[in-house]
Amino acid sequence: MKYKNIEITNDNYMSVITINRPKFLNALNIATIQELSKALFNVEKNKEIRCVIITGEGNKSFVAGADIKEFSNFTKKEAFEMSKNGQKNLFDYIESMRTPVISAVNGYALGGGLELALASHIRIFSENAKVGLPEVSLGLIPGYGGTQRLSQLCGKGIALKMILSAEIIDAKTAFKYGITNLIVSNKNLILESKKLAKQICNNSPNSIGNAIESINACFNFNLDGFEYEIEKFSDCFNSSDFKEGASAFMEKRKPTFN
């Protein structure tokens, strides 16, 4: 499938999705959200892909927010639908994917850009990363899950400070706050992201999917996370991955997961 705003390369069980709108600092417009959603849906169906890396074209910006011109004249109803559809089709979808998603944040990740990174399972920042949710400076609030996921990662106090002040922080501060898992040099960002993706790809895809779902259950008030973990743990015993993993362990060899 051809895309206008993103590029995809698949290699060694991993897929690298690059948001390719450098002229607009890779800002997220509705068309780009739709393309990302379709691409990730296809990834989730493709059993050959075991990890996804999302990044932005160039070294200035991962995603410098949403495309404000696109919704500056929206009515309340239109804004409601944009937020609801965006959350459901992309941001919530990423979080619930059984295929791990790594955001390789190169440069600015503001507004929807940071929300995209927050929805991902793992975040790796380049040294020049600058992130924030500055929507209140525009008379808005984050609309793609930012108020929820930033609070989950950093705690209520830090989330309130960042969102209410429209603060933009650097990579070191983001690491201190728990927003990023790792900081690397700009030139090594994709290399290090692929290195981590390769480590993930060596493990059981079924177990990884079950682990993601179990961790997400911790933040779902409609679920008992401990009970959910028990269910997913026991599900693993029906899988060929467990049989291979156990056999490999006892035979003192590396497992091969299909």
Protein backbone atom coordinates (compact mmCIF):
# COMPACT_ATOMS: atom_id res chain seq x y z
CA MET A 1 0.00 0.00 0.00
CA LYS A 2 1.27 3.49 -0.89
CA TYR A 3 1.29 6.22 1.74
CA LYS A 4 1.62 9.97 1.31
CA ASN A 5 2.77 11.01 4.79
CA ILE A 6 4.67 8.01 6.12
CA GLU A 7 7.35 5.61 4.92
CA ILE A 8 7.71 1.97 6.01
CA THR A 9 10.70 -0.35 5.85
CA ASN A 10 10.57 -3.95 7.08
CA ASP A 11 13.69 -5.84 8.06
CA ASN A 12 14.52 -8.76 10.35
CA TYR A 13 11.13 -9.11 12.06
CA MET A 14 10.90 -5.35 12.65
CA SER A 15 9.07 -2.52 10.92
CA VAL A 16 10.32 1.09 10.93
CA ILE A 17 7.58 3.65 10.29
CA THR A 18 8.84 7.16 9.54
CA ILE A 19 6.49 10.14 9.64
CA ASN A 20 7.58 12.00 6.54
CA ARG A 21 6.33 15.60 6.66
CA PRO A 22 9.60 17.45 7.40
CA LYS A 23 8.30 20.63 5.77
CA PHE A 24 5.73 20.79 8.59
CA LEU A 25 8.10 19.36 11.24
CA ASN A 26 6.16 16.09 10.85
CA ALA A 27 3.02 17.60 12.39
CA LEU A 28 0.14 15.16 12.83
CA ASN A 29 -2.74 16.01 10.55
CA ILE A 30 -5.82 13.83 10.24
CA ALA A 31 -4.53 12.15 7.07
CA THR A 32 -1.27 11.16 8.82
CA ILE A 33 -3.18 9.75 11.79
CA GLN A 34 -5.28 7.68 9.38
CA GLU A 35 -2.20 6.40 7.55
CA LEU A 36 -0.45 5.48 10.80
CA SER A 37 -3.59 3.69 11.95
CA LYS A 38 -3.80 1.64 8.73
CA ALA A 39 -0.10 0.83 8.77
CA LEU A 40 -0.18 -0.36 12.38
CA PHE A 41 -3.33 -2.39 11.75
CA ASN A 42 -1.49 -4.17 8.94
CA VAL A 43 1.53 -4.70 11.18
CA GLU A 44 -0.61 -6.30 13.85
CA LYS A 45 -1.95 -8.78 11.29
CA ASN A 46 1.53 -9.59 9.96
CA LYS A 47 2.99 -12.38 12.09
CA GLU A 48 6.40 -11.80 10.51
CA ILE A 49 6.68 -8.42 12.28
CA ARG A 50 7.53 -8.68 15.97
CA CYS A 51 8.40 -5.07 16.81
CA VAL A 52 7.66 -1.59 15.42
CA ILE A 53 9.77 1.56 15.57
CA ILE A 54 8.07 4.91 14.95
CA THR A 55 10.23 7.95 14.22
CA GLY A 56 10.16 11.25 12.37
CA GLU A 57 12.00 12.26 9.21
CA GLY A 58 15.13 14.36 9.78
CA ASN A 59 16.77 15.28 13.07
CA LYS A 60 14.71 18.32 14.05
CA SER A 61 11.36 16.84 14.89
CA PHE A 62 9.67 13.57 15.81
CA VAL A 63 6.22 15.17 15.64
CA ALA A 64 5.89 18.86 16.41
CA GLY A 65 2.28 18.65 17.52
CA ALA A 66 -0.97 18.52 15.59
CA ASP A 67 -1.71 20.53 12.45
CA ILE A 68 -3.47 23.48 14.10
CA LYS A 69 -4.55 25.06 10.81
CA GLU A 70 -6.60 21.96 10.11
CA PHE A 71 -8.89 22.34 13.13
CA SER A 72 -8.70 26.04 14.02
CA ASN A 73 -12.34 26.58 12.93
CA PHE A 74 -13.80 23.33 14.26
CA THR A 75 -17.08 23.29 16.17
CA LYS A 76 -17.37 21.47 19.50
CA LYS A 77 -18.94 18.49 17.70
CA GLU A 78 -16.13 18.32 15.13
CA ALA A 79 -13.49 18.59 17.87
CA PHE A 80 -15.20 15.82 19.84
CA GLU A 81 -15.17 13.50 16.84
CA MET A 82 -11.55 14.32 16.01
CA SER A 83 -10.39 13.53 19.54
CA LYS A 84 -12.56 10.42 19.89
CA ASN A 85 -11.61 8.95 16.50
CA GLY A 86 -7.93 9.79 16.95
CA GLN A 87 -7.78 8.13 20.35
CA LYS A 88 -9.67 5.04 19.23
CA ASN A 89 -8.00 4.50 15.86
CA LEU A 90 -4.41 5.38 16.70
CA PHE A 91 -3.38 6.25 20.26
CA ASP A 92 -5.47 3.69 22.15
CA TYR A 93 -4.81 1.19 19.37
CA ILE A 94 -1.03 1.51 19.75
CA GLU A 95 -1.25 1.03 23.51
CA SER A 96 -3.33 -2.15 23.10
CA MET A 97 -1.24 -3.70 20.31
CA ARG A 98 0.31 -7.06 21.12
CA THR A 99 3.22 -6.11 18.87
CA PRO A 100 5.57 -3.82 20.85
CA VAL A 101 5.91 -0.25 19.60
CA ILE A 102 9.06 1.80 20.24
CA SER A 103 8.96 5.56 19.67
CA ALA A 104 12.39 6.83 18.57
CA VAL A 105 12.01 10.51 19.40
CA ASN A 106 14.30 12.71 17.32
CA GLY A 107 13.96 16.37 18.25
CA TYR A 108 10.63 18.00 19.05
CA ALA A 109 7.71 15.91 20.34
CA LEU A 110 5.04 18.40 21.29
CA GLY A 111 1.31 17.99 21.83
CA GLY A 112 0.14 15.10 19.67
CA GLY A 113 3.78 14.12 19.12
CA LEU A 114 4.39 13.50 22.80
CA GLU A 115 0.99 11.81 23.04
CA LEU A 116 2.09 9.45 20.25
CA ALA A 117 5.26 8.62 22.19
CA LEU A 118 3.30 8.19 25.44
CA ALA A 119 0.97 5.70 23.76
CA SER A 120 3.96 3.61 22.63
CA HIS A 121 5.23 0.81 24.83
CA ILE A 122 8.82 2.08 24.95
CA ARG A 123 10.38 5.50 24.31
CA ILE A 124 13.97 6.22 23.28
CA PHE A 125 15.01 9.88 23.03
CA SER A 126 17.84 11.49 21.11
CA GLU A 127 19.96 13.98 23.05
CA ASN A 128 18.28 16.91 21.30
CA ALA A 129 14.73 15.81 22.15
CA LYS A 130 12.40 18.51 23.46
CA VAL A 131 8.98 17.38 24.66
CA GLY A 132 5.86 18.88 26.17
CA LEU A 133 2.10 19.25 26.11
CA PRO A 134 1.69 23.01 25.54
CA GLU A 135 -1.98 22.95 24.52
CA VAL A 136 -3.12 25.33 27.29
CA SER A 137 -1.08 28.08 25.60
CA LEU A 138 -3.52 27.69 22.67
CA GLY A 139 -6.64 27.65 24.80
CA LEU A 140 -6.88 23.84 24.60
CA ILE A 141 -5.92 20.76 26.60
CA PRO A 142 -4.31 17.55 25.30
CA GLY A 143 -6.94 15.59 23.35
CA TYR A 144 -5.19 12.37 22.40
CA GLY A 145 -4.75 10.85 25.85
CA GLY A 146 -1.99 13.13 27.13
CA THR A 147 -3.62 14.02 30.45
CA GLN A 148 -4.08 10.33 31.24
CA ARG A 149 -0.84 8.73 30.03
CA LEU A 150 1.49 11.47 31.29
CA SER A 151 -0.11 11.13 34.74
CA GLN A 152 0.35 7.34 34.63
CA LEU A 153 4.03 7.64 33.74
CA CYS A 154 5.08 10.61 35.88
CA GLY A 155 2.44 10.95 38.56
CA LYS A 156 -0.21 13.60 39.06
CA GLY A 157 2.12 16.33 40.35
CA ILE A 158 4.54 16.33 37.42
CA ALA A 159 1.72 15.96 34.89
CA LEU A 160 -0.08 18.97 36.35
CA LYS A 161 3.12 21.03 36.38
CA MET A 162 3.99 20.23 32.77
CA ILE A 163 0.48 20.61 31.34
CA LEU A 164 -0.61 23.72 33.29
CA SER A 165 2.64 25.59 32.62
CA ALA A 166 2.89 24.43 28.97
CA GLU A 167 6.46 23.48 29.88
CA ILE A 168 8.79 22.06 27.23
CA ILE A 169 11.51 19.88 28.76
CA ASP A 170 14.76 18.42 27.48
CA ALA A 171 15.73 14.75 27.25
CA LYS A 172 17.53 14.65 30.62
CA THR A 173 14.50 16.06 32.44
CA ALA A 174 12.23 13.64 30.58
CA PHE A 175 14.42 10.76 31.77
CA LYS A 176 14.27 12.04 35.34
CA TYR A 177 10.47 12.23 35.09
CA GLY A 178 10.25 8.69 33.71
CA ILE A 179 8.95 9.74 30.30
CA THR A 180 11.79 8.13 28.36
CA ASN A 181 13.47 4.76 28.89
CA LEU A 182 16.78 5.76 27.33
CA ILE A 183 18.72 8.74 25.92
CA VAL A 184 21.15 8.18 23.04
CA SER A 185 23.11 10.35 20.62
CA ASN A 186 21.25 11.71 17.62
CA LYS A 187 23.24 9.62 15.15
CA ASN A 188 22.67 6.39 17.10
CA LEU A 189 18.93 6.79 17.73
CA ILE A 190 17.67 4.34 15.11
CA LEU A 191 20.64 2.01 15.64
CA GLU A 192 19.92 1.75 19.37
CA SER A 193 16.19 1.43 18.74
CA LYS A 194 16.83 -1.46 16.36
CA LYS A 195 19.19 -3.03 18.88
CA LEU A 196 16.44 -3.06 21.50
CA ALA A 197 13.89 -4.22 18.91
CA LYS A 198 16.18 -7.14 18.04
CA GLN A 199 16.34 -8.17 21.71
CA ILE A 200 12.55 -8.10 21.83
CA CYS A 201 12.25 -10.08 18.58
CA ASN A 202 14.34 -12.90 20.08
CA ASN A 203 11.62 -13.61 22.63
CA SER A 204 8.23 -15.31 22.43
CA PRO A 205 5.74 -13.16 20.47
CA ASN A 206 2.84 -14.80 22.31
CA SER A 207 4.38 -14.10 25.71
CA ILE A 208 5.19 -10.51 24.76
CA GLY A 209 1.58 -9.92 23.69
CA ASN A 210 0.28 -11.43 26.94
CA ALA A 211 2.70 -9.33 28.98
CA ILE A 212 1.59 -6.11 27.27
CA GLU A 213 -2.07 -6.93 27.89
CA SER A 214 -1.39 -7.81 31.53
CA ILE A 215 0.53 -4.58 32.19
CA ASN A 216 -2.24 -2.55 30.51
CA ALA A 217 -4.77 -4.27 32.78
CA CYS A 218 -3.08 -2.53 35.73
CA PHE A 219 -4.47 0.77 34.45
CA ASN A 220 -7.93 -0.49 33.49
CA PHE A 221 -10.30 0.12 36.40
CA ASN A 222 -12.74 -2.41 34.95
CA LEU A 223 -10.23 -5.23 35.37
CA ASP A 224 -8.48 -6.94 38.26
CA GLY A 225 -4.89 -6.83 37.03
CA PHE A 226 -3.75 -9.74 39.21
CA GLU A 227 -6.56 -11.98 38.00
CA TYR A 228 -5.85 -10.93 34.42
CA GLU A 229 -2.19 -11.85 34.86
CA ILE A 230 -3.12 -15.29 36.19
CA GLU A 231 -5.32 -15.89 33.14
CA LYS A 232 -2.66 -14.77 30.67
CA PHE A 233 0.06 -16.71 32.50
CA SER A 234 -1.93 -19.91 32.27
CA ASP A 235 -2.77 -19.21 28.60
CA CYS A 236 0.95 -19.41 27.83
CA PHE A 237 0.95 -23.10 28.74
CA ASN A 238 -1.23 -23.84 25.69
CA SER A 239 1.25 -22.21 23.33
CA SER A 240 3.93 -23.76 21.15
CA ASP A 241 6.22 -20.95 22.32
CA PHE A 242 6.21 -22.31 25.87
CA LYS A 243 6.95 -25.83 24.67
CA GLU A 244 9.88 -24.51 22.61
CA GLY A 245 11.13 -22.23 25.40
CA ALA A 246 11.03 -24.97 28.03
CA SER A 247 12.70 -27.50 25.72
CA ALA A 248 15.44 -25.03 24.79
CA PHE A 249 16.10 -24.26 28.46
CA MET A 250 16.45 -27.92 29.41
CA GLU A 251 18.54 -28.66 26.31
CA LYS A 252 20.78 -25.63 27.04
CA ARG A 253 20.22 -24.00 23.66
CA LYS A 254 18.67 -20.78 22.39
CA PRO A 255 14.94 -21.06 21.64
CA THR A 256 13.56 -20.49 18.16
CA PHE A 257 10.11 -18.93 18.22
CA ASN A 258 7.98 -19.04 15.07
